[in-house]
PDB file of N, CA and C in Angstrom:
ATOM      1  N   MET A   1       0.804  -1.177   0.059  1.00  0.00           N
ATOM      2  CA  MET A   1       0.045  -0.036   0.046  1.00  0.00           C
ATOM      3  C   MET A   1       0.839   1.222  -0.008  1.00  0.00           C
ATOM      4  N   THR A   2       0.494   2.243  -0.681  1.00  0.00           N
ATOM      5  CA  THR A   2       1.090   3.437  -0.871  1.00  0.00           C
ATOM      6  C   THR A   2       0.149   4.670  -0.378  1.00  0.00           C
ATOM      7  N   GLN A   3       0.668   5.549   0.328  1.00  0.00           N
ATOM      8  CA  GLN A   3      -0.203   6.919   0.631  1.00  0.00           C
ATOM      9  C   GLN A   3       0.555   7.910  -0.050  1.00  0.00           C
ATOM     10  N   THR A   4      -0.321   8.865  -0.510  1.00  0.00           N
ATOM     11  CA  THR A   4       0.142  10.094  -1.227  1.00  0.00           C
ATOM     12  C   THR A   4      -0.784  11.259  -0.666  1.00  0.00           C
ATOM     13  N   THR A   5      -0.097  12.280  -0.191  1.00  0.00           N
ATOM     14  CA  THR A   5      -0.797  13.405   0.255  1.00  0.00           C
ATOM     15  C   THR A   5      -0.657  14.500  -0.850  1.00  0.00           C
ATOM     16  N   VAL A   6      -1.883  15.073  -1.031  1.00  0.00           N
ATOM     17  CA  VAL A   6      -1.883  16.180  -2.041  1.00  0.00           C
ATOM     18  C   VAL A   6      -2.510  17.357  -1.403  1.00  0.00           C
ATOM     19  N   LYS A   7      -1.861  18.527  -1.500  1.00  0.00           N
ATOM     20  CA  LYS A   7      -2.426  19.694  -1.108  1.00  0.00           C
ATOM     21  C   LYS A   7      -3.555  20.245  -2.180  1.00  0.00           C
ATOM     22  N   ILE A   8      -4.581  20.703  -1.750  1.00  0.00           N
ATOM     23  CA  ILE A   8      -5.602  21.140  -2.630  1.00  0.00           C
ATOM     24  C   ILE A   8      -6.081  22.556  -2.198  1.00  0.00           C
ATOM     25  N   GLN A   9      -6.331  23.509  -3.235  1.00  0.00           N
ATOM     26  CA  GLN A   9      -6.848  24.672  -2.935  1.00  0.00           C
ATOM     27  C   GLN A   9      -8.402  24.789  -3.244  1.00  0.00           C
ATOM     28  N   GLY A  10      -9.082  25.509  -2.433  1.00  0.00           N
ATOM     29  CA  GLY A  10     -10.424  25.807  -2.591  1.00  0.00           C
ATOM     30  C   GLY A  10     -11.534  24.995  -1.909  1.00  0.00           C
ATOM     31  N   MET A  11     -11.144  23.876  -1.197  1.00  0.00           N
ATOM     32  CA  MET A  11     -11.978  23.195  -0.327  1.00  0.00           C
ATOM     33  C   MET A  11     -12.440  23.969   0.791  1.00  0.00           C
ATOM     34  N   THR A  12     -13.718  24.056   1.136  1.00  0.00           N
ATOM     35  CA  THR A  12     -14.187  24.835   2.229  1.00  0.00           C
ATOM     36  C   THR A  12     -15.199  24.124   3.247  1.00  0.00           C
ATOM     37  N   CYS A  13     -15.647  22.936   2.761  1.00  0.00           N
ATOM     38  CA  CYS A  13     -16.822  22.264   3.617  1.00  0.00           C
ATOM     39  C   CYS A  13     -16.731  20.747   3.290  1.00  0.00           C
ATOM     40  N   GLY A  14     -17.724  20.009   4.020  1.00  0.00           N
ATOM     41  CA  GLY A  14     -17.785  18.636   3.908  1.00  0.00           C
ATOM     42  C   GLY A  14     -18.143  18.285   2.556  1.00  0.00           C
ATOM     43  N   HIS A  15     -19.009  19.080   1.798  1.00  0.00           N
ATOM     44  CA  HIS A  15     -19.474  18.828   0.483  1.00  0.00           C
ATOM     45  C   HIS A  15     -18.265  18.792  -0.458  1.00  0.00           C
ATOM     46  N   CYS A  16     -17.406  19.764  -0.218  1.00  0.00           N
ATOM     47  CA  CYS A  16     -16.235  19.796  -1.037  1.00  0.00           C
ATOM     48  C   CYS A  16     -15.308  18.546  -0.874  1.00  0.00           C
ATOM     49  N   GLU A  17     -15.220  18.243   0.369  1.00  0.00           N
ATOM     50  CA  GLU A  17     -14.443  16.889   0.550  1.00  0.00           C
ATOM     51  C   GLU A  17     -15.056  15.728  -0.107  1.00  0.00           C
ATOM     52  N   GLY A  18     -16.362  15.710  -0.077  1.00  0.00           N
ATOM     53  CA  GLY A  18     -17.121  14.601  -0.720  1.00  0.00           C
ATOM     54  C   GLY A  18     -16.782  14.631  -2.401  1.00  0.00           C
ATOM     55  N   ARG A  19     -16.765  15.629  -2.916  1.00  0.00           N
ATOM     56  CA  ARG A  19     -16.550  15.765  -4.358  1.00  0.00           C
ATOM     57  C   ARG A  19     -15.194  15.304  -4.589  1.00  0.00           C
ATOM     58  N   VAL A  20     -14.279  15.838  -3.793  1.00  0.00           N
ATOM     59  CA  VAL A  20     -12.841  15.459  -4.012  1.00  0.00           C
ATOM     60  C   VAL A  20     -12.622  13.877  -3.754  1.00  0.00           C
ATOM     61  N   ASN A  21     -13.144  13.361  -2.684  1.00  0.00           N
ATOM     62  CA  ASN A  21     -13.126  11.936  -2.403  1.00  0.00           C
ATOM     63  C   ASN A  21     -13.723  11.101  -3.563  1.00  0.00           C
ATOM     64  N   ALA A  22     -14.792  11.557  -4.146  1.00  0.00           N
ATOM     65  CA  ALA A  22     -15.532  10.786  -5.247  1.00  0.00           C
ATOM     66  C   ALA A  22     -14.659  10.730  -6.504  1.00  0.00           C
ATOM     67  N   GLU A  23     -14.105  11.904  -6.878  1.00  0.00           N
ATOM     68  CA  GLU A  23     -13.153  11.908  -8.074  1.00  0.00           C
ATOM     69  C   GLU A  23     -11.993  11.220  -7.947  1.00  0.00           C
ATOM     70  N   LEU A  24     -11.281  11.377  -6.791  1.00  0.00           N
ATOM     71  CA  LEU A  24     -10.038  10.656  -6.566  1.00  0.00           C
ATOM     72  C   LEU A  24     -10.224   9.210  -6.424  1.00  0.00           C
ATOM     73  N   GLY A  25     -11.245   8.830  -5.945  1.00  0.00           N
ATOM     74  CA  GLY A  25     -11.728   7.491  -5.798  1.00  0.00           C
ATOM     75  C   GLY A  25     -11.848   6.587  -7.069  1.00  0.00           C
ATOM     76  N   LYS A  26     -12.117   7.427  -8.151  1.00  0.00           N
ATOM     77  CA  LYS A  26     -12.326   6.776  -9.428  1.00  0.00           C
ATOM     78  C   LYS A  26     -10.909   6.421 -10.093  1.00  0.00           C
ATOM     79  N   ILE A  27      -9.752   6.859  -9.558  1.00  0.00           N
ATOM     80  CA  ILE A  27      -8.485   6.517 -10.222  1.00  0.00           C
ATOM     81  C   ILE A  27      -8.228   5.020  -9.985  1.00  0.00           C
ATOM     82  N   VAL A  28      -7.950   4.326 -10.962  1.00  0.00           N
ATOM     83  CA  VAL A  28      -7.523   2.855 -10.798  1.00  0.00           C
ATOM     84  C   VAL A  28      -6.471   2.720  -9.830  1.00  0.00           C
ATOM     85  N   GLY A  29      -6.744   1.816  -8.939  1.00  0.00           N
ATOM     86  CA  GLY A  29      -5.703   1.373  -7.963  1.00  0.00           C
ATOM     87  C   GLY A  29      -5.937   2.052  -6.453  1.00  0.00           C
ATOM     88  N   VAL A  30      -6.874   3.234  -6.577  1.00  0.00           N
ATOM     89  CA  VAL A  30      -7.118   3.928  -5.203  1.00  0.00           C
ATOM     90  C   VAL A  30      -8.028   3.048  -4.481  1.00  0.00           C
ATOM     91  N   THR A  31      -7.563   2.761  -3.043  1.00  0.00           N
ATOM     92  CA  THR A  31      -8.365   1.993  -2.322  1.00  0.00           C
ATOM     93  C   THR A  31      -9.061   2.787  -1.161  1.00  0.00           C
ATOM     94  N   ASP A  32      -8.603   4.128  -0.941  1.00  0.00           N
ATOM     95  CA  ASP A  32      -9.175   4.975   0.159  1.00  0.00           C
ATOM     96  C   ASP A  32      -8.848   6.398  -0.304  1.00  0.00           C
ATOM     97  N   VAL A  33      -9.578   7.373   0.192  1.00  0.00           N
ATOM     98  CA  VAL A  33      -9.347   8.780   0.110  1.00  0.00           C
ATOM     99  C   VAL A  33      -9.901   9.538   1.245  1.00  0.00           C
ATOM    100  N   LYS A  34      -9.165  10.271   1.872  1.00  0.00           N
ATOM    101  CA  LYS A  34      -9.669  11.155   3.086  1.00  0.00           C
ATOM    102  C   LYS A  34      -9.273  12.571   2.699  1.00  0.00           C
ATOM    103  N   ALA A  35     -10.237  13.361   2.212  1.00  0.00           N
ATOM    104  CA  ALA A  35     -10.036  14.780   1.896  1.00  0.00           C
ATOM    105  C   ALA A  35     -10.364  15.533   3.289  1.00  0.00           C
ATOM    106  N   SER A  36      -9.624  16.480   3.423  1.00  0.00           N
ATOM    107  CA  SER A  36      -9.816  17.473   4.652  1.00  0.00           C
ATOM    108  C   SER A  36      -9.837  18.849   4.166  1.00  0.00           C
ATOM    109  N   ALA A  37     -10.969  19.602   4.283  1.00  0.00           N
ATOM    110  CA  ALA A  37     -11.093  21.002   3.864  1.00  0.00           C
ATOM    111  C   ALA A  37     -10.229  21.776   4.996  1.00  0.00           C
ATOM    112  N   GLY A  38     -10.224  21.399   6.144  1.00  0.00           N
ATOM    113  CA  GLY A  38      -9.530  22.058   7.276  1.00  0.00           C
ATOM    114  C   GLY A  38      -8.021  22.034   6.991  1.00  0.00           C
ATOM    115  N   ASP A  39      -7.583  21.091   6.525  1.00  0.00           N
ATOM    116  CA  ASP A  39      -6.054  20.922   6.247  1.00  0.00           C
ATOM    117  C   ASP A  39      -5.666  21.121   4.819  1.00  0.00           C
ATOM    118  N   SER A  40      -6.698  21.479   3.984  1.00  0.00           N
ATOM    119  CA  SER A  40      -6.517  21.715   2.476  1.00  0.00           C
ATOM    120  C   SER A  40      -5.666  20.637   1.854  1.00  0.00           C
ATOM    121  N   GLN A  41      -6.044  19.401   2.146  1.00  0.00           N
ATOM    122  CA  GLN A  41      -5.391  18.289   1.500  1.00  0.00           C
ATOM    123  C   GLN A  41      -6.179  17.064   1.421  1.00  0.00           C
ATOM    124  N   ALA A  42      -5.713  16.098   0.716  1.00  0.00           N
ATOM    125  CA  ALA A  42      -6.351  14.687   0.563  1.00  0.00           C
ATOM    126  C   ALA A  42      -5.143  13.695   0.849  1.00  0.00           C
ATOM    127  N   VAL A  43      -5.476  12.639   1.497  1.00  0.00           N
ATOM    128  CA  VAL A  43      -4.571  11.641   1.720  1.00  0.00           C
ATOM    129  C   VAL A  43      -5.087  10.463   0.892  1.00  0.00           C
ATOM    130  N   ILE A  44      -4.450   9.968   0.030  1.00  0.00           N
ATOM    131  CA  ILE A  44      -4.912   8.927  -0.953  1.00  0.00           C
ATOM    132  C   ILE A  44      -4.039   7.604  -0.605  1.00  0.00           C
ATOM    133  N   THR A  45      -4.867   6.517  -0.485  1.00  0.00           N
ATOM    134  CA  THR A  45      -4.223   5.145  -0.269  1.00  0.00           C
ATOM    135  C   THR A  45      -4.469   4.460  -1.515  1.00  0.00           C
ATOM    136  N   SER A  46      -3.374   3.747  -1.974  1.00  0.00           N
ATOM    137  CA  SER A  46      -3.489   3.025  -3.272  1.00  0.00           C
ATOM    138  C   SER A  46      -2.660   1.770  -3.274  1.00  0.00           C
ATOM    139  N   ASP A  47      -2.896   0.878  -4.100  1.00  0.00           N
ATOM    140  CA  ASP A  47      -2.274  -0.307  -4.319  1.00  0.00           C
ATOM    141  C   ASP A  47      -0.734  -0.081  -4.848  1.00  0.00           C
ATOM    142  N   ALA A  48      -0.442   0.997  -5.499  1.00  0.00           N
ATOM    143  CA  ALA A  48       0.770   1.300  -6.164  1.00  0.00           C
ATOM    144  C   ALA A  48       0.847   2.851  -6.270  1.00  0.00           C
ATOM    145  N   ALA A  49       2.081   3.385  -6.547  1.00  0.00           N
ATOM    146  CA  ALA A  49       2.242   4.802  -6.783  1.00  0.00           C
ATOM    147  C   ALA A  49       1.307   5.225  -7.841  1.00  0.00           C
ATOM    148  N   LEU A  50       0.840   6.556  -7.695  1.00  0.00           N
ATOM    149  CA  LEU A  50      -0.160   7.045  -8.681  1.00  0.00           C
ATOM    150  C   LEU A  50       0.446   8.054  -9.536  1.00  0.00           C
ATOM    151  N   ASP A  51      -0.053   8.186 -10.783  1.00  0.00           N
ATOM    152  CA  ASP A  51       0.441   9.215 -11.726  1.00  0.00           C
ATOM    153  C   ASP A  51      -0.032  10.652 -11.168  1.00  0.00           C
ATOM    154  N   ALA A  52       0.791  11.576 -11.117  1.00  0.00           N
ATOM    155  CA  ALA A  52       0.555  12.904 -10.653  1.00  0.00           C
ATOM    156  C   ALA A  52      -0.471  13.519 -11.500  1.00  0.00           C
ATOM    157  N   GLU A  53      -0.419  13.341 -12.740  1.00  0.00           N
ATOM    158  CA  GLU A  53      -1.356  14.020 -13.655  1.00  0.00           C
ATOM    159  C   GLU A  53      -2.688  13.464 -13.458  1.00  0.00           C
ATOM    160  N   ALA A  54      -2.882  12.125 -13.216  1.00  0.00           N
ATOM    161  CA  ALA A  54      -4.254  11.523 -12.906  1.00  0.00           C
ATOM    162  C   ALA A  54      -4.753  12.175 -11.715  1.00  0.00           C
ATOM    163  N   ILE A  55      -3.993  12.388 -10.683  1.00  0.00           N
ATOM    164  CA  ILE A  55      -4.508  12.982  -9.449  1.00  0.00           C
ATOM    165  C   ILE A  55      -4.863  14.409  -9.829  1.00  0.00           C
ATOM    166  N   SER A  56      -4.005  15.224 -10.491  1.00  0.00           N
ATOM    167  CA  SER A  56      -4.457  16.654 -10.719  1.00  0.00           C
ATOM    168  C   SER A  56      -5.769  16.659 -11.606  1.00  0.00           C
ATOM    169  N   GLN A  57      -5.851  15.822 -12.653  1.00  0.00           N
ATOM    170  CA  GLN A  57      -7.064  15.878 -13.370  1.00  0.00           C
ATOM    171  C   GLN A  57      -8.288  15.476 -12.491  1.00  0.00           C
ATOM    172  N   ALA A  58      -8.119  14.606 -11.615  1.00  0.00           N
ATOM    173  CA  ALA A  58      -9.299  14.164 -10.750  1.00  0.00           C
ATOM    174  C   ALA A  58      -9.675  15.431  -9.789  1.00  0.00           C
ATOM    175  N   VAL A  59      -8.652  16.189  -9.379  1.00  0.00           N
ATOM    176  CA  VAL A  59      -9.067  17.177  -8.434  1.00  0.00           C
ATOM    177  C   VAL A  59      -9.650  18.338  -9.353  1.00  0.00           C
ATOM    178  N   ILE A  60      -9.234  18.606 -10.524  1.00  0.00           N
ATOM    179  CA  ILE A  60      -9.703  19.554 -11.386  1.00  0.00           C
ATOM    180  C   ILE A  60     -11.198  19.253 -11.733  1.00  0.00           C
ATOM    181  N   ALA A  61     -11.439  17.877 -11.918  1.00  0.00           N
ATOM    182  CA  ALA A  61     -12.793  17.371 -12.322  1.00  0.00           C
ATOM    183  C   ALA A  61     -13.697  17.733 -11.146  1.00  0.00           C
ATOM    184  N   ALA A  62     -13.204  17.577  -9.958  1.00  0.00           N
ATOM    185  CA  ALA A  62     -14.057  17.963  -8.713  1.00  0.00           C
ATOM    186  C   ALA A  62     -14.271  19.478  -8.534  1.00  0.00           C
ATOM    187  N   GLY A  63     -13.521  20.313  -9.294  1.00  0.00           N
ATOM    188  CA  GLY A  63     -13.695  21.839  -9.060  1.00  0.00           C
ATOM    189  C   GLY A  63     -12.647  22.446  -8.468  1.00  0.00           C
ATOM    190  N   TYR A  64     -11.543  21.814  -8.122  1.00  0.00           N
ATOM    191  CA  TYR A  64     -10.491  22.454  -7.344  1.00  0.00           C
ATOM    192  C   TYR A  64      -9.167  22.289  -7.932  1.00  0.00           C
ATOM    193  N   ARG A  65      -8.091  22.839  -7.299  1.00  0.00           N
ATOM    194  CA  ARG A  65      -6.697  22.797  -7.798  1.00  0.00           C
ATOM    195  C   ARG A  65      -5.738  22.255  -6.980  1.00  0.00           C
ATOM    196  N   VAL A  66      -4.763  21.543  -7.462  1.00  0.00           N
ATOM    197  CA  VAL A  66      -3.674  20.858  -6.768  1.00  0.00           C
ATOM    198  C   VAL A  66      -2.622  21.902  -6.516  1.00  0.00           C
ATOM    199  N   LEU A  67      -2.146  22.152  -5.278  1.00  0.00           N
ATOM    200  CA  LEU A  67      -1.115  23.093  -5.010  1.00  0.00           C
ATOM    201  C   LEU A  67       0.317  22.425  -5.133  1.00  0.00           C
ATOM    202  N   SER A  68       1.253  23.076  -5.630  1.00  0.00           N
ATOM    203  CA  SER A  68       2.573  22.526  -5.745  1.00  0.00           C
ATOM    204  C   SER A  68       3.260  22.577  -4.421  1.00  0.00           C
TER     205      SER A  68
END
């Protein structure tokens, strides 16, 4: 198992967390996602290392932006 932490700009509430969790959860290999608006991040658990572009596109699809 691999954990990846991604900083995300724009999440402000539980609804935001739900959107991010749903989109990141669609990535092949992802087994769990815990987005936190308070921490402005998501912790992604996966079977293997994830492609940074796939993560970024999922966050954009949810309506937010990955911070570098």
